[in-house]
C-alpha atoms as a PDB file:
ATOM      1  CA  UNK A   1      52.331 -43.255 -98.368  1.00  0.00           C
ATOM      2  CA  UNK A   2      49.721 -41.333 -96.381  1.00  0.00           C
ATOM      3  CA  UNK A   3      51.082 -39.811 -93.192  1.00  0.00           C
ATOM      4  CA  UNK A   4      48.521 -38.604 -90.575  1.00  0.00           C
ATOM      5  CA  UNK A   5      48.960 -35.413 -88.600  1.00  0.00           C
ATOM      6  CA  UNK A   6      49.017 -35.114 -84.834  1.00  0.00           C
ATOM      7  CA  UNK A   7      45.987 -33.337 -83.494  1.00  0.00           C
ATOM      8  CA  UNK A   8      45.861 -31.716 -80.139  1.00  0.00           C
ATOM      9  CA  UNK A   9      42.700 -32.164 -78.133  1.00  0.00           C
ATOM     10  CA  UNK A  10      41.249 -30.074 -75.310  1.00  0.00           C
ATOM     11  CA  UNK A  11      42.162 -31.682 -72.025  1.00  0.00           C
ATOM     12  CA  UNK A  12      38.751 -31.542 -70.687  1.00  0.00           C
ATOM     13  CA  UNK A  13      37.433 -33.746 -73.616  1.00  0.00           C
ATOM     14  CA  UNK A  14      39.743 -36.529 -72.235  1.00  0.00           C
ATOM     15  CA  UNK A  15      39.784 -35.907 -68.468  1.00  0.00           C
ATOM     16  CA  UNK A  16      36.572 -34.062 -67.612  1.00  0.00           C
ATOM     17  CA  UNK A  17      37.552 -33.693 -64.010  1.00  0.00           C
ATOM     18  CA  UNK A  18      40.978 -33.086 -62.685  1.00  0.00           C
ATOM     19  CA  UNK A  19      40.773 -35.116 -59.432  1.00  0.00           C
ATOM     20  CA  UNK A  20      38.299 -37.846 -60.452  1.00  0.00           C
ATOM     21  CA  UNK A  21      39.637 -38.454 -63.968  1.00  0.00           C
ATOM     22  CA  UNK A  22      43.170 -37.255 -64.657  1.00  0.00           C
ATOM     23  CA  UNK A  23      44.491 -38.086 -61.153  1.00  0.00           C
ATOM     24  CA  UNK A  24      42.781 -41.580 -61.254  1.00  0.00           C
ATOM     25  CA  UNK A  25      44.236 -42.160 -64.791  1.00  0.00           C
ATOM     26  CA  UNK A  26      47.755 -41.097 -63.663  1.00  0.00           C
ATOM     27  CA  UNK A  27      47.657 -43.381 -60.744  1.00  0.00           C
ATOM     28  CA  UNK A  28      46.884 -46.399 -62.984  1.00  0.00           C
ATOM     29  CA  UNK A  29      49.411 -45.165 -65.591  1.00  0.00           C
ATOM     30  CA  UNK A  30      52.413 -43.990 -63.593  1.00  0.00           C
ATOM     31  CA  UNK A  31      54.713 -45.542 -66.041  1.00  0.00           C
ATOM     32  CA  UNK A  32      53.855 -42.704 -68.460  1.00  0.00           C
ATOM     33  CA  UNK A  33      55.134 -40.233 -66.104  1.00  0.00           C
ATOM     34  CA  UNK A  34      58.166 -42.479 -65.559  1.00  0.00           C
ATOM     35  CA  UNK A  35      59.087 -42.476 -69.256  1.00  0.00           C
ATOM     36  CA  UNK A  36      58.669 -38.747 -69.547  1.00  0.00           C
ATOM     37  CA  UNK A  37      61.081 -37.869 -66.603  1.00  0.00           C
ATOM     38  CA  UNK A  38      63.313 -40.913 -66.618  1.00  0.00           C
ATOM     39  CA  UNK A  39      62.212 -41.903 -63.109  1.00  0.00           C
ATOM     40  CA  UNK A  40      61.070 -45.026 -61.446  1.00  0.00           C
ATOM     41  CA  UNK A  41      58.101 -44.188 -59.361  1.00  0.00           C
ATOM     42  CA  UNK A  42      55.902 -46.779 -57.844  1.00  0.00           C
ATOM     43  CA  UNK A  43      52.936 -47.245 -55.421  1.00  0.00           C
ATOM     44  CA  UNK A  44      51.145 -43.975 -56.187  1.00  0.00           C
ATOM     45  CA  UNK A  45      48.327 -43.169 -53.697  1.00  0.00           C
ATOM     46  CA  UNK A  46      45.698 -40.437 -54.103  1.00  0.00           C
ATOM     47  CA  UNK A  47      44.620 -37.659 -51.585  1.00  0.00           C
ATOM     48  CA  UNK A  48      47.434 -38.225 -49.033  1.00  0.00           C
ATOM     49  CA  UNK A  49      47.075 -35.842 -46.093  1.00  0.00           C
ATOM     50  CA  UNK A  50      49.461 -33.089 -45.574  1.00  0.00           C
ATOM     51  CA  UNK A  51      48.308 -31.260 -42.471  1.00  0.00           C
ATOM     52  CA  UNK A  52      44.839 -29.971 -43.393  1.00  0.00           C
ATOM     53  CA  UNK A  53      45.472 -30.335 -47.079  1.00  0.00           C
ATOM     54  CA  UNK A  54      45.620 -33.447 -49.399  1.00  0.00           C
ATOM     55  CA  UNK A  55      48.299 -34.068 -52.157  1.00  0.00           C
ATOM     56  CA  UNK A  56      46.958 -35.333 -55.404  1.00  0.00           C
ATOM     57  CA  UNK A  57      49.346 -38.223 -55.554  1.00  0.00           C
ATOM     58  CA  UNK A  58      52.113 -39.462 -53.418  1.00  0.00           C
ATOM     59  CA  UNK A  59      54.541 -42.118 -54.836  1.00  0.00           C
ATOM     60  CA  UNK A  60      57.814 -43.655 -53.920  1.00  0.00           C
ATOM     61  CA  UNK A  61      61.113 -43.472 -55.705  1.00  0.00           C
ATOM     62  CA  UNK A  62      63.640 -46.303 -56.126  1.00  0.00           C
ATOM     63  CA  UNK A  63      65.092 -45.495 -52.524  1.00  0.00           C
ATOM     64  CA  UNK A  64      61.637 -45.459 -51.000  1.00  0.00           C
ATOM     65  CA  UNK A  65      61.528 -41.772 -50.533  1.00  0.00           C
ATOM     66  CA  UNK A  66      58.320 -39.989 -51.030  1.00  0.00           C
ATOM     67  CA  UNK A  67      57.459 -38.165 -54.289  1.00  0.00           C
ATOM     68  CA  UNK A  68      54.579 -35.542 -54.187  1.00  0.00           C
ATOM     69  CA  UNK A  69      52.582 -34.955 -57.430  1.00  0.00           C
ATOM     70  CA  UNK A  70      50.393 -32.021 -57.995  1.00  0.00           C
ATOM     71  CA  UNK A  71      48.070 -31.944 -60.932  1.00  0.00           C
ATOM     72  CA  UNK A  72      46.665 -28.794 -62.587  1.00  0.00           C
ATOM     73  CA  UNK A  73      44.738 -29.095 -65.914  1.00  0.00           C
ATOM     74  CA  UNK A  74      44.819 -25.359 -66.249  1.00  0.00           C
ATOM     75  CA  UNK A  75      47.433 -22.595 -66.540  1.00  0.00           C
ATOM     76  CA  UNK A  76      49.852 -22.713 -63.651  1.00  0.00           C
ATOM     77  CA  UNK A  77      49.204 -20.435 -60.687  1.00  0.00           C
ATOM     78  CA  UNK A  78      50.639 -19.377 -57.413  1.00  0.00           C
ATOM     79  CA  UNK A  79      48.142 -21.381 -55.336  1.00  0.00           C
ATOM     80  CA  UNK A  80      49.175 -24.695 -56.766  1.00  0.00           C
ATOM     81  CA  UNK A  81      52.829 -23.817 -56.469  1.00  0.00           C
ATOM     82  CA  UNK A  82      52.331 -23.046 -52.843  1.00  0.00           C
ATOM     83  CA  UNK A  83      50.551 -26.353 -52.288  1.00  0.00           C
ATOM     84  CA  UNK A  84      53.347 -28.199 -53.978  1.00  0.00           C
ATOM     85  CA  UNK A  85      55.993 -26.671 -51.677  1.00  0.00           C
ATOM     86  CA  UNK A  86      53.638 -27.086 -48.622  1.00  0.00           C
ATOM     87  CA  UNK A  87      53.072 -30.766 -49.307  1.00  0.00           C
ATOM     88  CA  UNK A  88      56.736 -31.338 -49.952  1.00  0.00           C
ATOM     89  CA  UNK A  89      57.752 -29.916 -46.659  1.00  0.00           C
ATOM     90  CA  UNK A  90      54.947 -31.601 -44.714  1.00  0.00           C
ATOM     91  CA  UNK A  91      55.757 -34.984 -46.057  1.00  0.00           C
ATOM     92  CA  UNK A  92      59.506 -34.481 -46.192  1.00  0.00           C
ATOM     93  CA  UNK A  93      59.441 -35.473 -49.810  1.00  0.00           C
ATOM     94  CA  UNK A  94      62.702 -35.679 -51.777  1.00  0.00           C
ATOM     95  CA  UNK A  95      60.893 -35.070 -55.145  1.00  0.00           C
ATOM     96  CA  UNK A  96      58.016 -32.869 -56.224  1.00  0.00           C
ATOM     97  CA  UNK A  97      56.400 -32.910 -59.556  1.00  0.00           C
ATOM     98  CA  UNK A  98      53.952 -30.340 -60.840  1.00  0.00           C
ATOM     99  CA  UNK A  99      51.835 -31.267 -63.882  1.00  0.00           C
ATOM    100  CA  UNK A 100      50.154 -28.329 -65.654  1.00  0.00           C
ATOM    101  CA  UNK A 101      48.360 -27.535 -68.862  1.00  0.00           C
ATOM    102  CA  UNK A 102      50.110 -24.260 -69.465  1.00  0.00           C
ATOM    103  CA  UNK A 103      53.256 -23.457 -67.464  1.00  0.00           C
ATOM    104  CA  UNK A 104      53.772 -19.669 -66.955  1.00  0.00           C
ATOM    105  CA  UNK A 105      57.276 -18.181 -67.545  1.00  0.00           C
ATOM    106  CA  UNK A 106      57.307 -16.966 -63.866  1.00  0.00           C
ATOM    107  CA  UNK A 107      56.526 -20.533 -62.565  1.00  0.00           C
ATOM    108  CA  UNK A 108      59.293 -22.024 -64.721  1.00  0.00           C
ATOM    109  CA  UNK A 109      61.691 -19.488 -63.158  1.00  0.00           C
ATOM    110  CA  UNK A 110      60.314 -20.367 -59.646  1.00  0.00           C
ATOM    111  CA  UNK A 111      60.953 -24.087 -60.124  1.00  0.00           C
ATOM    112  CA  UNK A 112      64.452 -23.469 -61.493  1.00  0.00           C
ATOM    113  CA  UNK A 113      65.160 -21.339 -58.317  1.00  0.00           C
ATOM    114  CA  UNK A 114      63.801 -24.150 -56.022  1.00  0.00           C
ATOM    115  CA  UNK A 115      66.075 -26.643 -57.709  1.00  0.00           C
ATOM    116  CA  UNK A 116      69.102 -24.261 -57.171  1.00  0.00           C
ATOM    117  CA  UNK A 117      68.131 -23.484 -53.506  1.00  0.00           C
ATOM    118  CA  UNK A 118      66.739 -26.562 -52.058  1.00  0.00           C
ATOM    119  CA  UNK A 119      67.883 -30.206 -51.342  1.00  0.00           C
ATOM    120  CA  UNK A 120      64.742 -31.529 -53.015  1.00  0.00           C
ATOM    121  CA  UNK A 121      64.198 -32.117 -56.805  1.00  0.00           C
ATOM    122  CA  UNK A 122      61.377 -30.278 -58.449  1.00  0.00           C
ATOM    123  CA  UNK A 123      59.857 -31.033 -61.807  1.00  0.00           C
ATOM    124  CA  UNK A 124      57.514 -28.952 -63.959  1.00  0.00           C
ATOM    125  CA  UNK A 125      55.680 -31.013 -66.555  1.00  0.00           C
ATOM    126  CA  UNK A 126      53.325 -29.911 -69.332  1.00  0.00           C
ATOM    127  CA  UNK A 127      50.443 -32.264 -70.085  1.00  0.00           C
ATOM    128  CA  UNK A 128      48.525 -32.435 -73.436  1.00  0.00           C
ATOM    129  CA  UNK A 129      46.180 -34.687 -75.166  1.00  0.00           C
ATOM    130  CA  UNK A 130      46.802 -35.761 -78.716  1.00  0.00           C
ATOM    131  CA  UNK A 131      45.468 -38.093 -81.394  1.00  0.00           C
ATOM    132  CA  UNK A 132      46.673 -39.184 -84.783  1.00  0.00           C
ATOM    133  CA  UNK A 133      43.958 -39.383 -87.394  1.00  0.00           C
ATOM    134  CA  UNK A 134      41.003 -41.302 -85.917  1.00  0.00           C
ATOM    135  CA  UNK A 135      43.082 -42.913 -83.127  1.00  0.00           C
ATOM    136  CA  UNK A 136      42.055 -42.920 -79.487  1.00  0.00           C
ATOM    137  CA  UNK A 137      43.326 -39.919 -77.461  1.00  0.00           C
ATOM    138  CA  UNK A 138      46.781 -40.292 -75.997  1.00  0.00           C
ATOM    139  CA  UNK A 139      48.729 -38.380 -73.261  1.00  0.00           C
ATOM    140  CA  UNK A 140      51.675 -36.274 -74.150  1.00  0.00           C
ATOM    141  CA  UNK A 141      53.903 -35.259 -71.127  1.00  0.00           C
ATOM    142  CA  UNK A 142      56.844 -32.862 -71.673  1.00  0.00           C
ATOM    143  CA  UNK A 143      59.368 -31.976 -69.154  1.00  0.00           C
ATOM    144  CA  UNK A 144      59.614 -28.180 -68.965  1.00  0.00           C
ATOM    145  CA  UNK A 145      62.309 -27.969 -66.349  1.00  0.00           C
ATOM    146  CA  UNK A 146      63.725 -30.191 -63.602  1.00  0.00           C
ATOM    147  CA  UNK A 147      66.888 -30.690 -61.416  1.00  0.00           C
ATOM    148  CA  UNK A 148      70.276 -30.767 -63.082  1.00  0.00           C
ATOM    149  CA  UNK A 149      73.875 -30.924 -61.991  1.00  0.00           C
ATOM    150  CA  UNK A 150      74.368 -27.379 -63.544  1.00  0.00           C
ATOM    151  CA  UNK A 151      71.387 -26.064 -61.550  1.00  0.00           C
ATOM    152  CA  UNK A 152      72.936 -27.375 -58.314  1.00  0.00           C
ATOM    153  CA  UNK A 153      76.322 -25.731 -59.197  1.00  0.00           C
ATOM    154  CA  UNK A 154      74.499 -22.385 -59.767  1.00  0.00           C
ATOM    155  CA  UNK A 155      72.709 -22.857 -56.536  1.00  0.00           C
ATOM    156  CA  UNK A 156      75.890 -23.330 -54.602  1.00  0.00           C
ATOM    157  CA  UNK A 157      77.568 -20.441 -56.372  1.00  0.00           C
ATOM    158  CA  UNK A 158      74.772 -18.108 -55.439  1.00  0.00           C
ATOM    159  CA  UNK A 159      74.850 -19.412 -51.806  1.00  0.00           C
ATOM    160  CA  UNK A 160      78.734 -18.719 -51.688  1.00  0.00           C
ATOM    161  CA  UNK A 161      78.150 -15.244 -53.110  1.00  0.00           C
ATOM    162  CA  UNK A 162      75.501 -14.452 -50.632  1.00  0.00           C
ATOM    163  CA  UNK A 163      77.738 -15.459 -47.718  1.00  0.00           C
ATOM    164  CA  UNK A 164      80.548 -13.470 -49.197  1.00  0.00           C
ATOM    165  CA  UNK A 165      78.350 -10.478 -49.524  1.00  0.00           C
ATOM    166  CA  UNK A 166      77.215 -10.717 -45.887  1.00  0.00           C
ATOM    167  CA  UNK A 167      80.900 -11.056 -44.592  1.00  0.00           C
ATOM    168  CA  UNK A 168      81.893  -8.018 -46.683  1.00  0.00           C
ATOM    169  CA  UNK A 169      79.077  -5.892 -45.298  1.00  0.00           C
ATOM    170  CA  UNK A 170      80.031  -6.873 -41.753  1.00  0.00           C
ATOM    171  CA  UNK A 171      83.675  -6.017 -42.480  1.00  0.00           C
ATOM    172  CA  UNK A 172      82.723  -2.515 -43.781  1.00  0.00           C
ATOM    173  CA  UNK A 173      80.343  -1.964 -40.841  1.00  0.00           C
ATOM    174  CA  UNK A 174      83.190  -2.595 -38.318  1.00  0.00           C
ATOM    175  CA  UNK A 175      85.693  -0.592 -40.365  1.00  0.00           C
ATOM    176  CA  UNK A 176      83.587   2.435 -40.703  1.00  0.00           C
ATOM    177  CA  UNK A 177      82.728   2.344 -37.004  1.00  0.00           C
ATOM    178  CA  UNK A 178      86.394   2.176 -36.117  1.00  0.00           C
ATOM    179  CA  UNK A 179      87.370   4.929 -38.596  1.00  0.00           C
ATOM    180  CA  UNK A 180      84.855   7.392 -37.243  1.00  0.00           C
ATOM    181  CA  UNK A 181      87.099   8.161 -34.206  1.00  0.00           C
ATOM    182  CA  UNK A 182      90.072   8.771 -36.582  1.00  0.00           C
ATOM    183  CA  UNK A 183      88.778  10.677 -39.618  1.00  0.00           C
ATOM    184  CA  UNK A 184      85.689  12.095 -41.157  1.00  0.00           C
ATOM    185  CA  UNK A 185      86.678  11.032 -44.601  1.00  0.00           C
ATOM    186  CA  UNK A 186      84.045   8.292 -44.945  1.00  0.00           C
ATOM    187  CA  UNK A 187      81.728   9.337 -42.058  1.00  0.00           C
ATOM    188  CA  UNK A 188      78.682   9.490 -44.223  1.00  0.00           C
ATOM    189  CA  UNK A 189      79.139   6.216 -46.114  1.00  0.00           C
ATOM    190  CA  UNK A 190      76.913   3.183 -45.494  1.00  0.00           C
ATOM    191  CA  UNK A 191      78.377  -0.271 -45.617  1.00  0.00           C
ATOM    192  CA  UNK A 192      77.615  -2.292 -48.741  1.00  0.00           C
ATOM    193  CA  UNK A 193      78.110  -5.815 -50.079  1.00  0.00           C
ATOM    194  CA  UNK A 194      80.630  -4.844 -52.738  1.00  0.00           C
ATOM    195  CA  UNK A 195      84.416  -5.265 -52.246  1.00  0.00           C
ATOM    196  CA  UNK A 196      84.869  -1.479 -52.070  1.00  0.00           C
ATOM    197  CA  UNK A 197      83.470   1.661 -50.424  1.00  0.00           C
ATOM    198  CA  UNK A 198      84.052   5.161 -51.701  1.00  0.00           C
ATOM    199  CA  UNK A 199      83.794   8.804 -50.850  1.00  0.00           C
ATOM    200  CA  UNK A 200      84.623  11.842 -52.870  1.00  0.00           C
ATOM    201  CA  UNK A 201      88.193  13.268 -52.852  1.00  0.00           C
ATOM    202  CA  UNK A 202      86.893  16.718 -53.442  1.00  0.00           C
ATOM    203  CA  UNK A 203      87.569  16.858 -57.159  1.00  0.00           C
ATOM    204  CA  UNK A 204      85.115  15.775 -59.880  1.00  0.00           C
ATOM    205  CA  UNK A 205      85.744  12.187 -60.892  1.00  0.00           C
ATOM    206  CA  UNK A 206      88.202  11.531 -57.984  1.00  0.00           C
ATOM    207  CA  UNK A 207      87.354   9.314 -55.095  1.00  0.00           C
ATOM    208  CA  UNK A 208      89.181   7.778 -52.126  1.00  0.00           C
ATOM    209  CA  UNK A 209      88.325   4.070 -51.924  1.00  0.00           C
ATOM    210  CA  UNK A 210      88.799   1.199 -49.535  1.00  0.00           C
ATOM    211  CA  UNK A 211      89.132  -2.157 -51.196  1.00  0.00           C
ATOM    212  CA  UNK A 212      89.012  -5.570 -49.542  1.00  0.00           C
ATOM    213  CA  UNK A 213      89.721  -8.868 -51.041  1.00  0.00           C
ATOM    214  CA  UNK A 214      89.836 -12.392 -49.515  1.00  0.00           C
ATOM    215  CA  UNK A 215      93.440 -12.061 -48.088  1.00  0.00           C
ATOM    216  CA  UNK A 216      94.555  -8.508 -48.546  1.00  0.00           C
ATOM    217  CA  UNK A 217      93.115  -4.979 -48.970  1.00  0.00           C
ATOM    218  CA  UNK A 218      94.081  -1.603 -50.349  1.00  0.00           C
ATOM    219  CA  UNK A 219      93.498   2.118 -50.137  1.00  0.00           C
ATOM    220  CA  UNK A 220      93.400   4.208 -53.400  1.00  0.00           C
ATOM    221  CA  UNK A 221      92.761   7.311 -55.204  1.00  0.00           C
ATOM    222  CA  UNK A 222      90.439   6.329 -58.193  1.00  0.00           C
ATOM    223  CA  UNK A 223      90.295   8.757 -61.035  1.00  0.00           C
ATOM    224  CA  UNK A 224      87.164   8.133 -63.275  1.00  0.00           C
ATOM    225  CA  UNK A 225      85.417  11.073 -64.975  1.00  0.00           C
ATOM    226  CA  UNK A 226      83.125   8.627 -66.756  1.00  0.00           C
ATOM    227  CA  UNK A 227      82.937   7.139 -70.255  1.00  0.00           C
ATOM    228  CA  UNK A 228      84.872   8.636 -73.058  1.00  0.00           C
ATOM    229  CA  UNK A 229      87.036  10.606 -70.453  1.00  0.00           C
ATOM    230  CA  UNK A 230      90.246   8.698 -70.890  1.00  0.00           C
ATOM    231  CA  UNK A 231      92.273  11.861 -71.658  1.00  0.00           C
ATOM    232  CA  UNK A 232      90.939  13.735 -68.654  1.00  0.00           C
ATOM    233  CA  UNK A 233      91.662  10.770 -66.430  1.00  0.00           C
ATOM    234  CA  UNK A 234      95.244  10.475 -67.597  1.00  0.00           C
ATOM    235  CA  UNK A 235      95.742  14.193 -67.522  1.00  0.00           C
ATOM    236  CA  UNK A 236      94.859  14.248 -63.804  1.00  0.00           C
ATOM    237  CA  UNK A 237      97.011  11.333 -63.190  1.00  0.00           C
ATOM    238  CA  UNK A 238     100.054  12.702 -64.978  1.00  0.00           C
ATOM    239  CA  UNK A 239      99.781  15.954 -63.180  1.00  0.00           C
ATOM    240  CA  UNK A 240      99.901  14.142 -59.878  1.00  0.00           C
ATOM    241  CA  UNK A 241     102.826  11.946 -61.153  1.00  0.00           C
ATOM    242  CA  UNK A 242     104.830  15.199 -61.535  1.00  0.00           C
ATOM    243  CA  UNK A 243     104.743  15.424 -57.714  1.00  0.00           C
ATOM    244  CA  UNK A 244     105.339  11.686 -57.041  1.00  0.00           C
ATOM    245  CA  UNK A 245     108.361  12.399 -54.925  1.00  0.00           C
ATOM    246  CA  UNK A 246     106.660  14.876 -52.705  1.00  0.00           C
ATOM    247  CA  UNK A 247     103.603  12.683 -52.388  1.00  0.00           C
ATOM    248  CA  UNK A 248     105.460   9.587 -51.404  1.00  0.00           C
ATOM    249  CA  UNK A 249     107.687  11.488 -49.037  1.00  0.00           C
ATOM    250  CA  UNK A 250     104.538  12.914 -47.249  1.00  0.00           C
ATOM    251  CA  UNK A 251     103.004   9.275 -47.282  1.00  0.00           C
ATOM    252  CA  UNK A 252     106.163   7.945 -45.772  1.00  0.00           C
ATOM    253  CA  UNK A 253     106.189   4.930 -48.176  1.00  0.00           C
ATOM    254  CA  UNK A 254     105.991   4.227 -51.883  1.00  0.00           C
ATOM    255  CA  UNK A 255     102.785   3.922 -53.754  1.00  0.00           C
ATOM    256  CA  UNK A 256     101.684   1.997 -56.978  1.00  0.00           C
ATOM    257  CA  UNK A 257     101.000   4.428 -59.654  1.00  0.00           C
ATOM    258  CA  UNK A 258      98.696   2.792 -62.262  1.00  0.00           C
ATOM    259  CA  UNK A 259      97.996   4.805 -65.323  1.00  0.00           C
ATOM    260  CA  UNK A 260      96.011   1.903 -66.799  1.00  0.00           C
ATOM    261  CA  UNK A 261      96.327   2.981 -70.416  1.00  0.00           C
ATOM    262  CA  UNK A 262      93.402   1.720 -72.559  1.00  0.00           C
ATOM    263  CA  UNK A 263      91.238   1.328 -69.396  1.00  0.00           C
ATOM    264  CA  UNK A 264      88.287   3.643 -68.170  1.00  0.00           C
ATOM    265  CA  UNK A 265      90.159   4.849 -65.009  1.00  0.00           C
ATOM    266  CA  UNK A 266      93.559   5.561 -63.400  1.00  0.00           C
ATOM    267  CA  UNK A 267      94.568   4.544 -59.857  1.00  0.00           C
ATOM    268  CA  UNK A 268      97.101   5.413 -57.199  1.00  0.00           C
ATOM    269  CA  UNK A 269      97.046   2.739 -54.604  1.00  0.00           C
ATOM    270  CA  UNK A 270      98.670   1.225 -51.471  1.00  0.00           C
ATOM    271  CA  UNK A 271      98.107  -2.411 -50.934  1.00  0.00           C
ATOM    272  CA  UNK A 272      97.633  -3.418 -47.278  1.00  0.00           C
ATOM    273  CA  UNK A 273      98.893  -6.988 -46.883  1.00  0.00           C
ATOM    274  CA  UNK A 274      97.777  -7.690 -43.371  1.00  0.00           C
ATOM    275  CA  UNK A 275      94.919  -9.987 -44.517  1.00  0.00           C
ATOM    276  CA  UNK A 276      91.443  -9.702 -45.988  1.00  0.00           C
ATOM    277  CA  UNK A 277      87.719 -10.420 -45.206  1.00  0.00           C
ATOM    278  CA  UNK A 278      88.334 -14.163 -44.898  1.00  0.00           C
ATOM    279  CA  UNK A 279      90.818 -13.543 -42.115  1.00  0.00           C
ATOM    280  CA  UNK A 280      88.155 -12.732 -39.518  1.00  0.00           C
ATOM    281  CA  UNK A 281      90.464 -13.224 -36.513  1.00  0.00           C
ATOM    282  CA  UNK A 282      92.711 -10.436 -37.854  1.00  0.00           C
ATOM    283  CA  UNK A 283      89.985  -7.874 -38.795  1.00  0.00           C
ATOM    284  CA  UNK A 284      90.935  -5.314 -36.046  1.00  0.00           C
ATOM    285  CA  UNK A 285      94.604  -5.365 -37.176  1.00  0.00           C
ATOM    286  CA  UNK A 286      93.675  -5.309 -40.928  1.00  0.00           C
ATOM    287  CA  UNK A 287      91.134  -2.438 -40.447  1.00  0.00           C
ATOM    288  CA  UNK A 288      93.569  -0.269 -38.281  1.00  0.00           C
ATOM    289  CA  UNK A 289      96.183  -0.703 -40.987  1.00  0.00           C
ATOM    290  CA  UNK A 290      93.723   0.315 -43.666  1.00  0.00           C
ATOM    291  CA  UNK A 291      92.515   3.385 -41.782  1.00  0.00           C
ATOM    292  CA  UNK A 292      96.111   4.408 -41.176  1.00  0.00           C
ATOM    293  CA  UNK A 293      96.940   4.129 -44.835  1.00  0.00           C
ATOM    294  CA  UNK A 294      93.844   5.987 -45.935  1.00  0.00           C
ATOM    295  CA  UNK A 295      94.549   8.895 -43.633  1.00  0.00           C
ATOM    296  CA  UNK A 296      98.073   9.246 -44.849  1.00  0.00           C
ATOM    297  CA  UNK A 297      96.976   8.816 -48.507  1.00  0.00           C
ATOM    298  CA  UNK A 298      94.372  11.563 -48.302  1.00  0.00           C
ATOM    299  CA  UNK A 299      96.909  13.820 -46.409  1.00  0.00           C
ATOM    300  CA  UNK A 300      99.580  13.291 -49.019  1.00  0.00           C
ATOM    301  CA  UNK A 301      97.329  13.933 -52.116  1.00  0.00           C
ATOM    302  CA  UNK A 302      94.972  16.598 -51.054  1.00  0.00           C
ATOM    303  CA  UNK A 303      97.471  19.567 -51.144  1.00  0.00           C
ATOM    304  CA  UNK A 304      98.095  18.741 -54.786  1.00  0.00           C
ATOM    305  CA  UNK A 305      94.501  18.824 -55.828  1.00  0.00           C
ATOM    306  CA  UNK A 306      94.431  22.687 -55.727  1.00  0.00           C
ATOM    307  CA  UNK A 307      97.135  22.603 -58.487  1.00  0.00           C
ATOM    308  CA  UNK A 308      95.076  20.560 -60.841  1.00  0.00           C
ATOM    309  CA  UNK A 309      93.863  22.845 -63.638  1.00  0.00           C
ATOM    310  CA  UNK A 310      91.062  20.325 -64.689  1.00  0.00           C
END
C-alpha cells in the first residue's frame, strides 16, 4: 500500500491576502476553528469596530458572549497582541483568539500570563496549510496555548502571593518606624516583602532577625556563615549555649536554642505569640512586643560575642 506524505505549503500560496482571503475563508468556515479549540462559535462578522480600530472577526459563543478573533499570517508580534487586548477590552469580550503563522515564545508566555491574570479566555493558535499528494490545500489549526483550570489556579496563587507580599511590606514599614524611637538596631534597614528583615549582630555570619508569619512572629539570632560552614555555625552556637543561664537571666525569659544539626544554620529565638501579619487590628500590640523582645535579645547576647574566639 502506498502512503502519501503530508506536505506543508506556504500560507500565501493558499491565502494571498490576510484580510481579503484568510479572514473571509475563516468567516465561512468557522467550524474548522471550533473543531481545533473545542468551542461552539457562531455568527462571525468581519471588521467590527473597536473604537478607532476594527477587529478581524467577532463571533458569539454558546452563551451569546462576544469572541474576538485576530488573524496574522506572519510571525507573532507585539502590535497584534496589543490589538487583541484592546479589542477584547473595548468589546467586553469573554474570549480572544489570536491566529498566527509562527508564535514567538515570548508571546506564548504573554498569553499564558493573560489567562492567569484576567477573567477572559485567551487562545493562541498556529495556522498552517498542507496537502497530501496531489490533494487540494487544507488548513491545519493547532492550539498552542489556551485557558485551563491549572492556569487559573496559578493566577489565583500569584494574586494571593502578591497581596501577602504587599501586606508584609506594610507591616515592616510600620514596625521599623515604631522601632526607630526605641533602638538603632534596624535603623538602616528598608522594608521588604519577605517574612523577615535582618541586620548584622556585629559578628561575621550572625544577624538579628525579625520574622513574621500569618498569626505569630519571632525575634532571633541567626547564625549562618555560608555554605559548607556547618562546623563554624555549630561552634558559635555551642559557645553561646555554655552561657545559656546568664543569657536567659538577662533576657528575663527562656529562649528556644535550635542547633539544627544537618541544616545550614543555627538559631536562638523567641516566639512572639501576640499575632501575625493577618491580624491587622493588633499590629501595634504585635510590633511593640516584637521590638521589646528584640531589644532584650540583643542586650542579652551582645556581651557574649566578645568571648567568641571565631
